[in-house]
Protein backbone atom coordinates (compact mmCIF):
# COMPACT_ATOMS: atom_id res chain seq x y z
CA MET A 1 -2.98 116.93 63.04
CA ARG A 2 -0.54 118.10 66.07
CA THR A 3 2.11 120.42 64.80
CA VAL A 4 5.30 121.50 65.52
CA ILE A 5 6.76 124.44 64.58
CA VAL A 6 10.73 124.60 64.19
CA GLY A 7 11.62 128.12 64.05
CA ALA A 8 9.33 130.63 65.61
CA GLY A 9 9.95 133.52 64.07
CA ALA A 10 7.94 135.57 61.36
CA ILE A 11 6.87 132.97 58.91
CA GLY A 12 6.73 130.23 61.59
CA GLY A 13 4.85 132.66 63.95
CA CYS A 14 2.47 133.40 60.87
CA ILE A 15 1.78 129.61 60.78
CA GLY A 16 1.89 128.67 64.01
CA THR A 17 -0.90 131.30 65.32
CA ARG A 18 -3.39 130.45 62.33
CA LEU A 19 -3.16 126.83 62.83
CA ALA A 20 -3.68 127.40 66.35
CA LEU A 21 -6.55 129.54 66.08
CA ASP A 22 -8.43 128.77 63.10
CA GLY A 23 -7.04 125.66 62.36
CA GLY A 24 -8.07 124.38 65.57
CA VAL A 25 -5.27 121.93 66.06
CA PRO A 26 -2.38 121.63 69.12
CA VAL A 27 1.03 123.48 67.94
CA ALA A 28 4.00 123.07 69.76
CA ALA A 29 7.14 124.98 69.16
CA TYR A 30 11.10 123.99 69.07
CA ALA A 31 12.48 127.35 69.97
CA ARG A 32 15.58 128.67 71.92
CA GLY A 33 16.48 132.08 73.94
CA ASP A 34 14.24 134.49 73.80
CA THR A 35 12.03 133.35 71.40
CA LEU A 36 11.35 130.06 73.87
CA GLN A 37 10.95 132.71 76.54
CA ALA A 38 8.21 134.59 74.78
CA LEU A 39 6.23 131.67 73.73
CA ARG A 40 6.05 130.22 77.51
CA GLU A 41 4.92 133.67 78.82
CA HIS A 42 2.67 134.73 75.83
CA GLY A 43 1.96 132.21 73.47
CA TRP A 44 1.64 132.47 69.79
CA ARG A 45 1.46 136.47 69.02
CA MET A 46 0.90 138.14 65.60
CA ASP A 47 -0.49 141.64 64.65
CA SER A 48 -2.03 141.53 61.27
CA GLY A 49 -4.62 143.98 59.43
CA GLY A 50 -5.03 145.80 62.55
CA ARG A 51 -6.13 142.97 64.50
CA HIS A 52 -3.99 141.28 67.49
CA TRP A 53 -4.02 137.59 67.22
CA HIS A 54 -3.28 135.54 70.20
CA ALA A 55 -3.55 131.80 70.81
CA LYS A 56 -2.04 129.12 73.15
CA VAL A 57 1.08 127.61 72.45
CA GLN A 58 0.13 123.68 73.38
CA MET A 59 4.19 123.63 74.23
CA ALA A 60 7.44 125.38 73.51
CA SER A 61 10.74 123.95 74.27
CA ASP A 62 14.33 123.56 73.09
CA ASP A 63 14.28 120.01 73.71
CA ALA A 64 13.03 118.00 70.98
CA ALA A 65 12.62 114.70 72.84
CA ALA A 66 10.50 116.54 75.28
CA LEU A 67 8.02 117.55 72.80
CA GLY A 68 8.22 113.87 70.49
CA PRO A 69 7.20 112.93 67.10
CA ALA A 70 4.80 115.43 65.38
CA ASP A 71 2.31 114.61 62.78
CA LEU A 72 3.17 117.88 60.74
CA LEU A 73 6.43 119.11 61.30
CA VAL A 74 6.90 122.97 59.61
CA VAL A 75 10.53 123.66 59.42
CA ALA A 76 10.55 127.84 59.23
CA VAL A 77 14.11 128.50 59.88
CA LYS A 78 16.77 130.43 57.74
CA GLY A 79 18.60 127.93 55.60
CA GLN A 80 22.18 128.37 56.83
CA ALA A 81 20.72 127.19 60.14
CA LEU A 82 19.49 124.21 59.45
CA ALA A 83 22.45 122.14 58.80
CA PRO A 84 23.97 122.75 62.61
CA LEU A 85 20.41 122.25 63.71
CA ALA A 86 19.21 119.12 62.02
CA PRO A 87 20.79 116.59 64.27
CA LYS A 88 18.82 118.00 67.19
CA LEU A 89 15.66 117.52 65.45
CA ALA A 90 15.66 113.45 65.02
CA PRO A 91 13.08 113.11 68.14
CA LEU A 92 10.56 115.36 66.26
CA VAL A 93 10.18 112.86 63.21
CA GLY A 94 8.62 109.58 63.18
CA PRO A 95 7.70 107.53 60.54
CA ASP A 96 4.40 109.08 59.61
CA THR A 97 5.65 112.81 60.34
CA VAL A 98 4.79 115.01 57.21
CA ILE A 99 7.46 117.83 56.95
CA LEU A 100 6.77 120.82 55.29
CA PRO A 101 9.23 123.39 54.83
CA ALA A 102 8.40 126.86 54.90
CA MET A 103 11.90 128.61 53.76
CA ASN A 104 13.43 130.53 51.11
CA GLY A 105 16.06 129.42 48.34
CA VAL A 106 16.55 126.24 46.98
CA PRO A 107 15.88 122.94 49.84
CA TRP A 108 17.81 119.94 50.67
CA TRP A 109 14.95 117.98 49.20
CA PHE A 110 15.48 119.51 46.00
CA GLY A 111 16.91 116.46 44.12
CA ARG A 112 13.80 114.44 44.94
CA GLY A 113 11.43 114.16 42.12
CA LEU A 114 14.03 116.31 39.42
CA PRO A 115 13.87 114.62 35.66
CA GLY A 116 17.03 113.15 34.20
CA ASP A 117 20.40 113.49 35.18
CA ALA A 118 19.14 116.03 38.07
CA ALA A 119 17.16 112.95 39.88
CA GLY A 120 18.09 112.44 43.23
CA MET A 121 20.94 115.47 43.35
CA ALA A 122 22.52 116.29 46.50
CA LEU A 123 23.65 119.87 47.24
CA GLU A 124 26.40 120.61 49.35
CA THR A 125 25.28 124.18 49.52
CA VAL A 126 22.18 123.85 51.26
CA ASP A 127 22.80 120.32 53.09
CA PRO A 128 26.86 120.54 53.45
CA GLY A 129 28.14 117.15 54.67
CA GLY A 130 24.93 115.62 53.87
CA VAL A 131 23.79 115.80 57.56
CA ILE A 132 20.06 117.35 57.31
CA ALA A 133 18.72 114.55 54.64
CA PRO A 134 19.19 111.71 57.31
CA VAL A 135 17.01 113.36 59.93
CA LEU A 136 14.79 115.10 57.69
CA PRO A 137 14.10 112.45 55.00
CA PRO A 138 13.16 113.97 51.43
CA ALA A 139 10.25 111.15 51.02
CA GLN A 140 8.70 112.84 53.90
CA VAL A 141 8.77 116.19 52.67
CA LEU A 142 5.86 118.31 51.13
CA GLY A 143 7.64 121.00 49.06
CA CYS A 144 5.96 124.45 50.13
CA VAL A 145 6.71 127.97 48.71
CA VAL A 146 5.71 130.67 50.82
CA HIS A 147 3.91 133.72 49.63
CA ILE A 148 3.56 135.84 52.97
CA ALA A 149 5.51 139.05 53.91
CA ALA A 150 6.10 139.21 57.97
CA GLY A 151 8.37 140.58 60.28
CA THR A 152 8.98 140.32 64.11
CA THR A 153 8.53 143.20 66.46
CA ALA A 154 9.94 141.61 69.31
CA PRO A 155 11.13 138.12 70.04
CA GLY A 156 7.87 135.51 69.51
CA HIS A 157 5.60 139.05 68.33
CA VAL A 158 5.11 138.89 64.46
CA GLN A 159 3.73 141.95 62.39
CA HIS A 160 2.15 140.67 59.31
CA ARG A 161 2.53 142.47 55.95
CA MET A 162 0.69 140.93 53.34
CA GLY A 163 -0.14 137.61 51.50
CA TRP A 164 -1.30 134.47 52.78
CA GLY A 165 -0.33 132.23 50.14
CA LEU A 166 1.22 128.90 50.44
CA ILE A 167 1.74 126.45 47.52
CA VAL A 168 2.16 123.10 48.56
CA GLY A 169 3.16 119.64 46.57
CA GLU A 170 4.44 116.33 46.78
CA PRO A 171 7.86 116.32 44.98
CA ASP A 172 7.15 113.70 42.79
CA GLY A 173 3.89 115.47 41.30
CA SER A 174 1.68 112.85 43.06
CA LYS A 175 -2.02 113.72 44.83
CA SER A 176 -1.07 111.71 47.68
CA ALA A 177 -3.74 111.40 50.86
CA ARG A 178 -1.44 113.25 53.19
CA LEU A 179 -1.20 116.44 50.72
CA GLY A 180 -4.84 116.33 51.16
CA ARG A 181 -4.92 116.59 54.68
CA VAL A 182 -2.39 119.29 54.74
CA VAL A 183 -3.91 121.51 52.21
CA GLU A 184 -7.12 120.93 54.24
CA LEU A 185 -5.47 121.72 57.47
CA LEU A 186 -3.89 125.12 56.06
CA ALA A 187 -7.05 126.39 54.08
CA ARG A 188 -9.11 125.84 57.41
CA ALA A 189 -6.81 128.06 58.93
CA GLY A 190 -6.95 130.70 56.74
CA PHE A 191 -4.52 130.37 54.31
CA GLU A 192 -4.31 130.84 50.29
CA VAL A 193 -3.58 127.25 49.82
CA THR A 194 -2.90 125.92 46.03
CA ALA A 195 -2.43 121.82 45.90
CA GLU A 196 0.55 121.99 43.02
CA PRO A 197 1.62 119.20 40.63
CA ALA A 198 4.71 120.98 39.48
CA ILE A 199 6.32 122.50 42.89
CA HIS A 200 9.88 122.06 41.67
CA ARG A 201 8.42 124.42 39.17
CA ALA A 202 6.71 126.99 41.68
CA LEU A 203 9.74 127.07 43.78
CA TRP A 204 12.19 127.97 40.99
CA TYR A 205 9.80 131.03 39.96
CA LYS A 206 9.89 132.83 43.24
CA LEU A 207 13.54 132.00 43.10
CA TRP A 208 13.98 133.30 39.54
CA GLY A 209 12.97 136.75 40.96
CA ASN A 210 14.84 136.59 44.86
CA VAL A 211 17.98 135.64 42.93
CA THR A 212 18.58 139.39 42.05
CA PHE A 213 17.00 141.53 44.35
CA ASN A 214 17.71 139.72 47.39
CA PRO A 215 21.60 140.12 46.43
CA ILE A 216 21.62 143.29 44.75
CA SER A 217 19.44 144.75 48.00
CA ALA A 218 21.97 143.66 50.60
CA LEU A 219 24.92 144.88 48.37
CA THR A 220 23.70 148.34 47.53
CA GLY A 221 20.85 149.23 50.43
CA ALA A 222 18.21 149.88 47.49
CA THR A 223 14.54 148.75 47.86
CA ALA A 224 12.83 146.85 44.88
CA ASP A 225 11.81 150.07 43.25
CA ARG A 226 15.18 151.92 43.03
CA ILE A 227 16.51 148.75 41.70
CA LEU A 228 14.28 148.69 39.22
CA ASP A 229 14.37 152.69 38.41
CA ASP A 230 17.99 152.46 37.52
CA PRO A 231 18.47 150.82 34.02
CA LEU A 232 21.69 149.53 34.47
CA VAL A 233 20.98 147.79 37.36
CA ARG A 234 17.77 146.36 36.13
CA ALA A 235 19.36 145.25 32.93
CA PHE A 236 21.96 143.22 35.30
CA CYS A 237 18.78 141.95 37.02
CA SER A 238 17.62 140.59 34.04
CA ALA A 239 21.01 139.10 32.49
CA VAL A 240 21.28 136.98 35.57
CA MET A 241 17.62 136.14 35.22
CA VAL A 242 18.46 134.71 32.03
CA GLU A 243 21.22 132.92 33.25
CA VAL A 244 19.23 131.46 35.79
CA ALA A 245 15.79 130.68 33.32
CA ALA A 246 18.53 128.60 31.38
CA VAL A 247 19.14 126.58 34.21
CA GLY A 248 15.79 125.89 35.09
CA ALA A 249 15.01 124.75 31.63
CA ARG A 250 17.59 121.58 32.26
CA ILE A 251 16.34 120.79 35.13
CA GLY A 252 12.77 120.72 34.01
CA CYS A 253 11.47 124.11 35.64
CA ALA A 254 11.16 126.24 32.74
CA ILE A 255 10.14 129.78 33.06
CA ASP A 256 7.06 131.13 30.47
CA GLN A 257 8.13 134.87 31.30
CA SER A 258 10.62 137.39 30.60
CA PRO A 259 12.61 139.03 32.99
CA GLU A 260 10.82 142.30 32.17
CA ASP A 261 7.55 140.39 32.83
CA ARG A 262 8.70 139.41 35.89
CA HIS A 263 9.65 143.06 36.55
CA ALA A 264 6.54 144.29 35.99
CA VAL A 265 5.02 141.79 38.70
CA THR A 266 8.21 143.14 41.43
CA ARG A 267 7.05 146.77 40.56
CA LYS A 268 3.72 146.68 41.78
CA LEU A 269 4.96 145.64 44.79
CA GLY A 270 6.50 149.32 45.53
CA ALA A 271 9.24 150.09 47.21
CA PHE A 272 9.76 147.32 49.95
CA LYS A 273 12.88 145.82 51.41
CA THR A 274 13.91 142.20 50.68
CA SER A 275 14.74 140.08 53.57
CA MET A 276 18.07 139.49 52.45
CA LEU A 277 18.49 143.68 52.98
CA GLN A 278 16.17 143.50 56.50
CA ASP A 279 19.15 140.81 57.60
CA VAL A 280 22.02 143.22 56.37
CA GLU A 281 20.49 145.90 58.36
CA ALA A 282 19.81 143.58 61.32
CA GLY A 283 23.33 142.56 61.43
CA ARG A 284 22.16 138.79 60.51
CA SER A 285 23.67 135.73 58.76
CA LEU A 286 22.34 135.75 54.85
CA GLU A 287 20.84 132.99 53.06
CA LEU A 288 23.16 133.26 50.41
CA ASP A 289 23.60 129.76 50.04
CA GLY A 290 19.88 128.78 49.33
CA ILE A 291 19.17 132.04 47.28
CA VAL A 292 22.65 132.00 45.17
CA ALA A 293 25.58 129.37 45.59
CA ALA A 294 22.82 126.76 45.24
CA VAL A 295 21.75 127.75 41.68
CA ARG A 296 25.39 128.06 40.90
CA GLU A 297 25.81 124.66 42.02
CA ILE A 298 23.18 123.37 40.04
CA ALA A 299 24.10 125.20 36.96
CA ALA A 300 27.83 123.33 37.46
CA ARG A 301 25.88 120.03 37.72
CA VAL A 302 23.88 120.66 34.35
CA GLY A 303 26.33 122.53 32.44
CA VAL A 304 25.04 126.03 32.01
CA SER A 305 27.06 128.83 32.64
CA THR A 306 26.37 131.76 34.85
CA PRO A 307 28.98 134.59 34.51
CA ASN A 308 26.69 137.28 36.07
CA LEU A 309 25.20 135.14 38.54
CA ASP A 310 29.07 134.36 39.43
CA ALA A 311 30.10 137.91 39.71
CA LEU A 312 26.94 138.73 41.83
CA PHE A 313 27.46 135.92 44.30
CA GLY A 314 31.50 136.83 44.51
CA LEU A 315 30.27 140.58 45.17
CA VAL A 316 27.95 140.30 48.14
CA ARG A 317 30.07 137.30 49.56
CA LEU A 318 32.88 139.66 49.89
CA MET A 319 30.54 142.32 51.52
CA ALA A 320 28.84 140.01 53.67
CA GLN A 321 32.16 138.30 54.78
CA GLY A 322 33.53 141.79 55.73
CA ARG A 323 30.47 142.25 58.08
CA GLY A 324 30.75 139.01 59.82
CA LEU A 325 27.30 137.84 57.77
CA TYR A 326 28.74 134.70 56.05
CA PRO A 327 31.57 132.77 56.84
CA GLY A 328 35.00 133.41 55.70
């Protein structure tokens, strides 16, 4: 299964390295700038648990036509980068290409497989102008939820911190042959992979935690433990989570925990910096649209009021715009 990674950063680098080494498949990369140069010079590189991993990259290019159609296309860019990038990716997608988005937040394909009035919902916040779906057709997507913590120490050099979990599923809930092939490939590469018939619900559950801790940490500079230790901030997190759970209930993604249950899970992770806080500190653009704005858009579509989420979005947006990390 020839694989192409789009976005050879932390998560894309983890997946590319393990597939090339333990998965035993040819893995190419669509990359640009310093990351492209690093991949061409050094191949896939990752440090994890005291071990240095190194694997050959089949080909690295910033020209999708040179790479050609993939059997498996792993999309691991930040959500806000995908719309401007999508038109350049068309040569990577053939009629039988399986698209695996390894991304945070609500993805462009999310409406596929939802029930009732939400079925087929197109979201302007994550696919502005509808430019992504024609290039990366939702019908060719396998949903994916990533439970891997990693960063980069230099372009093309990944530092894996914890977790190898990948939850994968067909948006329509079916047990397809392509799902079986991808699950087998990921498991052979050493990932703790789960085939999930309710992939929307798994994605929404992860988002349920990220929708508060990511933006609050970005706004305050606080690690997760400090957010939980402040009773006022923890209560605000819970209020937002109640609203997001209500939205989930309307779209077939019910949450069967209380906010306090989820806080207890987060507490076990210790004093970690969220990805959004790391982006603020590095001066990178923020994933506000996929993690927060898309939830507000869905809420408006299904008639759920989200005043606490709205306030959080407004505050973080204002901060990010002031630092040039979010469009004005």
